[in-house]
Protein backbone atom coordinates (compact mmCIF):
# COMPACT_ATOMS: atom_id res chain seq x y z
CA MET A 1 31.17 -211.57 -202.34
CA THR A 2 27.77 -209.83 -202.19
CA GLN A 3 27.28 -206.21 -203.27
CA PRO A 4 27.05 -204.77 -199.73
CA ASP A 5 30.27 -206.61 -198.73
CA LYS A 6 32.04 -205.07 -201.75
CA ALA A 7 30.93 -201.58 -200.69
CA LEU A 8 32.20 -202.24 -197.18
CA SER A 9 35.53 -203.61 -198.32
CA GLN A 10 36.01 -200.48 -200.42
CA SER A 11 35.63 -198.15 -197.38
CA VAL A 12 38.85 -196.38 -196.63
CA ALA A 13 40.03 -197.31 -193.17
CA GLY A 14 43.05 -195.84 -191.54
CA ILE A 15 44.04 -193.25 -188.99
CA ALA A 16 41.98 -190.10 -189.32
CA PRO A 17 43.97 -187.36 -187.64
CA LEU A 18 41.23 -184.69 -187.24
CA PRO A 19 38.68 -186.82 -185.36
CA LEU A 20 41.44 -188.31 -183.25
CA LEU A 21 42.83 -184.96 -182.32
CA LEU A 22 39.36 -183.69 -181.51
CA ALA A 23 38.69 -186.68 -179.29
CA ILE A 24 41.93 -186.19 -177.41
CA SER A 25 41.26 -182.49 -177.02
CA ILE A 26 37.76 -183.13 -175.65
CA MET A 27 39.15 -185.76 -173.26
CA LEU A 28 41.85 -183.48 -171.96
CA GLY A 29 39.61 -180.45 -171.80
CA ILE A 30 36.88 -182.22 -169.80
CA THR A 31 39.46 -183.83 -167.48
CA ILE A 32 41.32 -180.56 -166.76
CA ARG A 33 38.34 -178.21 -166.61
CA PRO A 34 35.09 -180.09 -165.95
CA GLN A 35 33.40 -176.77 -165.03
CA LEU A 36 33.25 -176.14 -168.82
CA LEU A 37 30.24 -178.41 -168.88
CA ALA A 38 28.27 -176.07 -166.62
CA SER A 39 25.57 -173.82 -167.97
CA ALA A 40 25.50 -170.05 -167.45
CA SER A 41 23.58 -170.61 -164.15
CA GLY A 42 26.40 -172.83 -162.85
CA ARG A 43 24.47 -176.13 -163.03
CA ALA A 44 25.85 -179.08 -164.89
CA ASP A 45 24.52 -179.33 -168.37
CA GLN A 46 24.01 -183.06 -168.78
CA PHE A 47 22.78 -182.88 -172.38
CA ALA A 48 25.88 -180.86 -173.43
CA ALA A 49 28.06 -183.42 -171.59
CA MET A 50 26.34 -186.28 -173.44
CA LEU A 51 26.93 -184.53 -176.79
CA LEU A 52 30.58 -183.96 -175.97
CA PHE A 53 31.10 -187.53 -174.88
CA TRP A 54 29.39 -188.74 -178.07
CA ALA A 55 31.77 -186.56 -180.08
CA MET A 56 34.71 -187.91 -178.13
CA ALA A 57 33.67 -191.52 -178.64
CA ALA A 58 33.04 -190.97 -182.37
CA GLY A 59 36.37 -189.24 -182.65
CA PHE A 60 38.22 -192.07 -181.05
CA VAL A 61 36.43 -194.77 -183.02
CA ARG A 62 36.93 -193.07 -186.37
CA GLY A 63 40.24 -191.64 -185.47
CA VAL A 64 41.90 -194.96 -184.91
CA GLY A 65 40.55 -196.21 -188.26
CA PHE A 66 37.66 -198.41 -187.19
CA ILE A 67 34.62 -198.31 -189.48
CA PRO A 68 31.66 -200.36 -188.19
CA LYS A 69 29.83 -202.62 -190.66
CA ASN A 70 26.39 -201.66 -189.34
CA LEU A 71 25.12 -198.57 -191.13
CA ALA A 72 23.63 -196.90 -188.05
CA LEU A 73 26.77 -197.45 -186.02
CA ARG A 74 28.90 -196.32 -188.94
CA TRP A 75 27.07 -192.97 -188.87
CA LEU A 76 27.06 -192.66 -185.07
CA PHE A 77 30.83 -193.14 -184.92
CA SER A 78 31.89 -191.21 -188.06
CA GLY A 79 34.00 -188.11 -188.35
CA TRP A 80 30.86 -186.09 -189.24
CA ALA A 81 29.19 -187.35 -186.04
CA CYS A 82 32.25 -186.15 -184.11
CA LEU A 83 31.96 -182.65 -185.61
CA SER A 84 28.16 -182.64 -185.19
CA GLY A 85 28.34 -183.61 -181.49
CA LEU A 86 31.02 -180.98 -180.84
CA GLY A 87 29.12 -178.26 -182.68
CA LEU A 88 25.83 -179.04 -180.91
CA ALA A 89 27.47 -179.12 -177.54
CA LEU A 90 29.18 -175.78 -178.14
CA TRP A 91 25.96 -174.29 -179.45
CA ARG A 92 24.17 -175.49 -176.26
CA LEU A 93 26.86 -174.27 -173.88
CA LEU A 94 27.51 -170.89 -175.54
CA GLY A 95 23.91 -170.17 -176.65
């Protein structure tokens, strides 16, 4: 087993409750109240929507315990990416 394979095999996989709950909350929130993705002027904020959908995807991927082998994908679908996407979307919508 090579050194990178050892590092990957030592990654802790398993259900991550916080990202999973955030993903479910984002999914339900956008489904029930899509107008939350509108800017102050009433127009759809597509960048904020993209950030929220990224946070939702990252939350589901990490929440169910999947950890990609590719380093870039591992970062894009991590719990930290979920929190980052949610924070940036809220900053854009509320700012």
